[in-house]
Amino acid sequence: MIIVATDGYIVSCIGPYMADFYNNDASITRHILLNNEEKILDWLCQNDCMIVDRGFRDALDLIKSFGYQVFMPSFLPRVQRQYTSLEGNNNRLITVLRWVIEAVNGRIKQWKIFNQIFPNSSLKNIHAYVSIVCALINRFRSPFVQDISN
C-alpha cells in the first residue's frame, strides 16, 4: 500500500500484501493501523484527513476511531436517480484530490520492472524494489502540485 501526500510526495510504501479475498484495501488498512506498521500512528496526527476510495468502506469506522477524518465518495442509494448538488460537489472534490494518488501509481508503473509481469523468483525482493523506486520518484520527479497556497 502506498501512502501519498496531496502534492504527490510518497510518504510510505507498506507491504507487500498479496491480492486475494482477504487482502483488500479495508483489511490492509485495519492491519496497518492495529499493528502500527512503520509506526504510522506516531506520524499521523489527530484530525488528519484521509482521502480514500470505496474499497476502504469497511475500515471507515476504525479509521475514525483513531481520530482521523475520512473522505470517501458516497454511494448513490438505489431509490435515488442522481446525487443532490451537495453530494455531487463533495464527490467531485474527493475525486479531484484522489487523482494525485492515481498519478503516483502511474509514475511507479512507468518503471520497466513494474510495467510488465513481475517474475515470481523476484517476489521476495518486491518491497525493496518498490521502496527504491518510490525514493527515486520523490528525489528526482517534481511534485504534481507546486503551489499549495490556495
C-alpha atoms as a PDB file:
ATOM      1  CA  MET A   1       0.000   0.000   0.000  1.00  0.00           C
ATOM      2  CA  ILE A   2       1.319   3.420  -0.969  1.00  0.00           C
ATOM      3  CA  ILE A   3       0.591   6.408   1.284  1.00  0.00           C
ATOM      4  CA  VAL A   4       0.726   9.665  -0.676  1.00  0.00           C
ATOM      5  CA  ALA A   5       0.584  13.329   0.376  1.00  0.00           C
ATOM      6  CA  THR A   6      -1.708  15.703  -1.515  1.00  0.00           C
ATOM      7  CA  ASP A   7       1.183  17.094  -3.578  1.00  0.00           C
ATOM      8  CA  GLY A   8       2.235  13.639  -4.816  1.00  0.00           C
ATOM      9  CA  TYR A   9       5.063  13.042  -2.332  1.00  0.00           C
ATOM     10  CA  ILE A  10       5.207   9.345  -1.474  1.00  0.00           C
ATOM     11  CA  VAL A  11       5.126   9.223   2.310  1.00  0.00           C
ATOM     12  CA  SER A  12       5.426   5.474   2.717  1.00  0.00           C
ATOM     13  CA  CYS A  13       5.069   2.165   0.950  1.00  0.00           C
ATOM     14  CA  ILE A  14       3.940  -0.642   3.203  1.00  0.00           C
ATOM     15  CA  GLY A  15       3.698  -4.259   2.210  1.00  0.00           C
ATOM     16  CA  PRO A  16       3.660  -6.279   0.101  1.00  0.00           C
ATOM     17  CA  TYR A  17       0.195  -7.663   0.628  1.00  0.00           C
ATOM     18  CA  MET A  18      -0.801 -10.478  -1.673  1.00  0.00           C
ATOM     19  CA  ALA A  19      -4.062  -9.922  -3.511  1.00  0.00           C
ATOM     20  CA  ASP A  20      -6.858 -12.259  -2.538  1.00  0.00           C
ATOM     21  CA  PHE A  21     -10.326 -12.156  -0.994  1.00  0.00           C
ATOM     22  CA  TYR A  22      -8.954 -11.388   2.474  1.00  0.00           C
ATOM     23  CA  ASN A  23      -6.394  -8.743   1.494  1.00  0.00           C
ATOM     24  CA  ASN A  24      -8.488  -5.855   0.237  1.00  0.00           C
ATOM     25  CA  ASP A  25      -7.914  -2.152   0.920  1.00  0.00           C
ATOM     26  CA  ALA A  26     -10.012  -2.200   4.097  1.00  0.00           C
ATOM     27  CA  SER A  27      -8.359  -5.254   5.663  1.00  0.00           C
ATOM     28  CA  ILE A  28      -4.878  -3.981   4.793  1.00  0.00           C
ATOM     29  CA  THR A  29      -5.707  -0.627   6.404  1.00  0.00           C
ATOM     30  CA  ARG A  30      -7.016  -2.410   9.504  1.00  0.00           C
ATOM     31  CA  HIS A  31      -3.791  -4.409   9.717  1.00  0.00           C
ATOM     32  CA  ILE A  32      -1.610  -1.312   9.292  1.00  0.00           C
ATOM     33  CA  LEU A  33      -3.442   0.706  11.953  1.00  0.00           C
ATOM     34  CA  LEU A  34      -3.949  -2.063  14.513  1.00  0.00           C
ATOM     35  CA  ASN A  35      -0.332  -3.257  14.264  1.00  0.00           C
ATOM     36  CA  ASN A  36       1.094   0.260  13.943  1.00  0.00           C
ATOM     37  CA  GLU A  37       3.062  -0.746  10.835  1.00  0.00           C
ATOM     38  CA  GLU A  38       6.080   1.519  10.252  1.00  0.00           C
ATOM     39  CA  LYS A  39       4.983   3.377  13.394  1.00  0.00           C
ATOM     40  CA  ILE A  40       2.267   5.060  11.327  1.00  0.00           C
ATOM     41  CA  LEU A  41       0.388   6.198  14.427  1.00  0.00           C
ATOM     42  CA  ASP A  42       3.443   8.209  15.501  1.00  0.00           C
ATOM     43  CA  TRP A  43       3.469  10.348  12.371  1.00  0.00           C
ATOM     44  CA  LEU A  44      -0.262  10.717  11.859  1.00  0.00           C
ATOM     45  CA  CYS A  45      -1.899  13.431  13.973  1.00  0.00           C
ATOM     46  CA  GLN A  46      -5.369  13.814  15.433  1.00  0.00           C
ATOM     47  CA  ASN A  47      -7.842  15.148  12.812  1.00  0.00           C
ATOM     48  CA  ASP A  48      -5.547  14.351   9.862  1.00  0.00           C
ATOM     49  CA  CYS A  49      -7.564  13.881   6.676  1.00  0.00           C
ATOM     50  CA  MET A  50      -7.520  10.661   4.692  1.00  0.00           C
ATOM     51  CA  ILE A  51      -8.879  10.626   1.152  1.00  0.00           C
ATOM     52  CA  VAL A  52      -9.871   7.068   0.250  1.00  0.00           C
ATOM     53  CA  ASP A  53     -11.852   5.268  -2.411  1.00  0.00           C
ATOM     54  CA  ARG A  54     -14.798   2.954  -1.872  1.00  0.00           C
ATOM     55  CA  GLY A  55     -12.542  -0.042  -1.305  1.00  0.00           C
ATOM     56  CA  PHE A  56     -11.878   1.285   2.193  1.00  0.00           C
ATOM     57  CA  ARG A  57     -15.565   1.406   3.223  1.00  0.00           C
ATOM     58  CA  ASP A  58     -15.238  -1.495   5.685  1.00  0.00           C
ATOM     59  CA  ALA A  59     -12.421   0.296   7.538  1.00  0.00           C
ATOM     60  CA  LEU A  60     -14.057   3.734   7.872  1.00  0.00           C
ATOM     61  CA  ASP A  61     -15.224   3.204  11.462  1.00  0.00           C
ATOM     62  CA  LEU A  62     -11.771   2.032  12.549  1.00  0.00           C
ATOM     63  CA  ILE A  63     -10.045   4.976  10.879  1.00  0.00           C
ATOM     64  CA  LYS A  64     -12.472   7.397  12.529  1.00  0.00           C
ATOM     65  CA  SER A  65     -11.965   5.702  15.915  1.00  0.00           C
ATOM     66  CA  PHE A  66      -8.280   6.686  15.719  1.00  0.00           C
ATOM     67  CA  GLY A  67      -9.375  10.320  15.407  1.00  0.00           C
ATOM     68  CA  TYR A  68      -8.761  10.820  11.692  1.00  0.00           C
ATOM     69  CA  GLN A  69     -11.159  12.449   9.253  1.00  0.00           C
ATOM     70  CA  VAL A  70     -12.069  10.244   6.309  1.00  0.00           C
ATOM     71  CA  PHE A  71     -13.390  11.422   2.964  1.00  0.00           C
ATOM     72  CA  MET A  72     -14.760   8.869   0.512  1.00  0.00           C
ATOM     73  CA  PRO A  73     -17.079   9.285  -2.484  1.00  0.00           C
ATOM     74  CA  SER A  74     -20.623   8.475  -1.416  1.00  0.00           C
ATOM     75  CA  PHE A  75     -22.765   5.693  -2.803  1.00  0.00           C
ATOM     76  CA  LEU A  76     -25.918   6.549  -4.712  1.00  0.00           C
ATOM     77  CA  PRO A  77     -28.904   4.986  -2.894  1.00  0.00           C
ATOM     78  CA  ARG A  78     -30.982   2.623  -5.051  1.00  0.00           C
ATOM     79  CA  VAL A  79     -34.081   4.796  -4.761  1.00  0.00           C
ATOM     80  CA  GLN A  80     -32.209   7.908  -5.882  1.00  0.00           C
ATOM     81  CA  ARG A  81     -31.527   8.647  -9.563  1.00  0.00           C
ATOM     82  CA  GLN A  82     -28.829  11.265  -9.028  1.00  0.00           C
ATOM     83  CA  TYR A  83     -26.868  12.937  -6.264  1.00  0.00           C
ATOM     84  CA  THR A  84     -28.009  16.155  -4.659  1.00  0.00           C
ATOM     85  CA  SER A  85     -25.920  19.197  -5.542  1.00  0.00           C
ATOM     86  CA  LEU A  86     -24.032  18.969  -2.240  1.00  0.00           C
ATOM     87  CA  GLU A  87     -23.338  15.223  -2.642  1.00  0.00           C
ATOM     88  CA  GLY A  88     -22.241  15.702  -6.248  1.00  0.00           C
ATOM     89  CA  ASN A  89     -19.909  18.556  -5.342  1.00  0.00           C
ATOM     90  CA  ASN A  90     -18.423  16.576  -2.430  1.00  0.00           C
ATOM     91  CA  ASN A  91     -17.820  13.574  -4.702  1.00  0.00           C
ATOM     92  CA  ARG A  92     -16.142  15.778  -7.320  1.00  0.00           C
ATOM     93  CA  LEU A  93     -13.900  17.372  -4.692  1.00  0.00           C
ATOM     94  CA  ILE A  94     -12.811  13.970  -3.378  1.00  0.00           C
ATOM     95  CA  THR A  95     -12.173  12.759  -6.925  1.00  0.00           C
ATOM     96  CA  VAL A  96     -10.075  15.848  -7.698  1.00  0.00           C
ATOM     97  CA  LEU A  97      -7.954  15.140  -4.622  1.00  0.00           C
ATOM     98  CA  ARG A  98      -7.635  11.417  -5.416  1.00  0.00           C
ATOM     99  CA  TRP A  99      -6.176  11.953  -8.893  1.00  0.00           C
ATOM    100  CA  VAL A 100      -2.781  12.546  -7.267  1.00  0.00           C
ATOM    101  CA  ILE A 101      -2.824   9.002  -5.881  1.00  0.00           C
ATOM    102  CA  GLU A 102      -3.603   7.536  -9.297  1.00  0.00           C
ATOM    103  CA  ALA A 103      -0.923   9.727 -10.887  1.00  0.00           C
ATOM    104  CA  VAL A 104       1.662   8.412  -8.400  1.00  0.00           C
ATOM    105  CA  ASN A 105       0.638   4.842  -9.238  1.00  0.00           C
ATOM    106  CA  GLY A 106       1.151   5.758 -12.895  1.00  0.00           C
ATOM    107  CA  ARG A 107       4.636   7.082 -12.153  1.00  0.00           C
ATOM    108  CA  ILE A 108       5.540   3.829 -10.431  1.00  0.00           C
ATOM    109  CA  LYS A 109       4.282   1.822 -13.415  1.00  0.00           C
ATOM    110  CA  GLN A 110       6.475   3.873 -15.760  1.00  0.00           C
ATOM    111  CA  TRP A 111       9.439   1.904 -14.407  1.00  0.00           C
ATOM    112  CA  LYS A 112      10.035  -1.064 -16.678  1.00  0.00           C
ATOM    113  CA  ILE A 113      10.182  -3.562 -13.818  1.00  0.00           C
ATOM    114  CA  PHE A 114       6.620  -2.669 -12.734  1.00  0.00           C
ATOM    115  CA  ASN A 115       5.176  -2.187 -16.213  1.00  0.00           C
ATOM    116  CA  GLN A 116       5.215  -5.877 -17.051  1.00  0.00           C
ATOM    117  CA  ILE A 117       4.581  -9.219 -15.401  1.00  0.00           C
ATOM    118  CA  PHE A 118       6.716  -9.455 -12.288  1.00  0.00           C
ATOM    119  CA  PRO A 119       8.732 -12.706 -12.093  1.00  0.00           C
ATOM    120  CA  ASN A 120       7.848 -14.976  -9.165  1.00  0.00           C
ATOM    121  CA  SER A 121      11.524 -15.537  -8.443  1.00  0.00           C
ATOM    122  CA  SER A 122      11.869 -11.834  -7.540  1.00  0.00           C
ATOM    123  CA  LEU A 123       8.811 -11.568  -5.274  1.00  0.00           C
ATOM    124  CA  LYS A 124      10.931 -11.860  -2.137  1.00  0.00           C
ATOM    125  CA  ASN A 125      12.563  -8.517  -3.056  1.00  0.00           C
ATOM    126  CA  ILE A 126       9.486  -6.625  -4.246  1.00  0.00           C
ATOM    127  CA  HIS A 127       9.245  -4.361  -1.175  1.00  0.00           C
ATOM    128  CA  ALA A 128      12.853  -3.270  -1.643  1.00  0.00           C
ATOM    129  CA  TYR A 129      12.250  -2.576  -5.349  1.00  0.00           C
ATOM    130  CA  VAL A 130       9.104  -0.537  -4.659  1.00  0.00           C
ATOM    131  CA  SER A 131      10.836   1.388  -1.859  1.00  0.00           C
ATOM    132  CA  ILE A 132      13.784   2.244  -4.107  1.00  0.00           C
ATOM    133  CA  VAL A 133      11.537   3.366  -6.964  1.00  0.00           C
ATOM    134  CA  CYS A 134       9.427   5.487  -4.578  1.00  0.00           C
ATOM    135  CA  ALA A 135      12.569   7.121  -3.160  1.00  0.00           C
ATOM    136  CA  LEU A 136      13.847   7.877  -6.671  1.00  0.00           C
ATOM    137  CA  ILE A 137      10.485   9.354  -7.669  1.00  0.00           C
ATOM    138  CA  ASN A 138      10.459  11.549  -4.562  1.00  0.00           C
ATOM    139  CA  ARG A 139      14.002  12.739  -5.199  1.00  0.00           C
ATOM    140  CA  PHE A 140      14.048  13.309  -8.932  1.00  0.00           C
ATOM    141  CA  ARG A 141      10.445  13.945 -10.032  1.00  0.00           C
ATOM    142  CA  SER A 142       8.708  17.236  -9.367  1.00  0.00           C
ATOM    143  CA  PRO A 143       5.582  17.272  -7.192  1.00  0.00           C
ATOM    144  CA  PHE A 144       2.244  17.228  -9.003  1.00  0.00           C
ATOM    145  CA  VAL A 145       1.112  20.305  -7.108  1.00  0.00           C
ATOM    146  CA  GLN A 146       3.721  23.075  -6.974  1.00  0.00           C
ATOM    147  CA  ASP A 147       1.759  25.851  -5.249  1.00  0.00           C
ATOM    148  CA  ILE A 148      -0.417  24.901  -2.280  1.00  0.00           C
ATOM    149  CA  SER A 149      -1.084  28.455  -1.097  1.00  0.00           C
ATOM    150  CA  ASN A 150      -4.697  28.357  -2.358  1.00  0.00           C
END
